[in-house]
């Protein structure tokens, strides 16, 4: 009468077409659980990718009738890849009555035009007011350079 049963059941794993019983706490059990978690993540990612593709193919567009705060977040997330590609410091975005107001410094006039056009294409933006300044010098620290070493 001195034996106790462990709580938590072992698992069954299908390895190479063979069902194997796994004991709790073993390395094999942990490896199988890790693999199942990874497979679950990949399935959730693929599911999201499918939903996004279906949304775009059906002609879906984000709701244009959102609050200014939500619209500002939407603009910031859309500008991120452009800022990175152009190697620009952060562009500051505010929204008032669905009009986007942009502040910051850019390297050239073409960057201003690209940023304003990109913001104008975002669903819900009624207008764009640009306070972007051309004047980012070659000597200015770019995001790709990181912080200067402090001495």
Foldseek 3Di string as FASTA:
>chain_A
DPDDDDPDAWDWDQDPNDTDTGGPPDPVSVVVVVVVVVVVVVVVVVVVVVVVVVCVVVVHAPDLPDDQVVLQVVLQVQCVVVCVVQQFDRWDWGADQLEIETEEEHADPVSVVVSLVSSVPHRNRPYYHYPYHHDDDPPDDTVVNPDDDDD
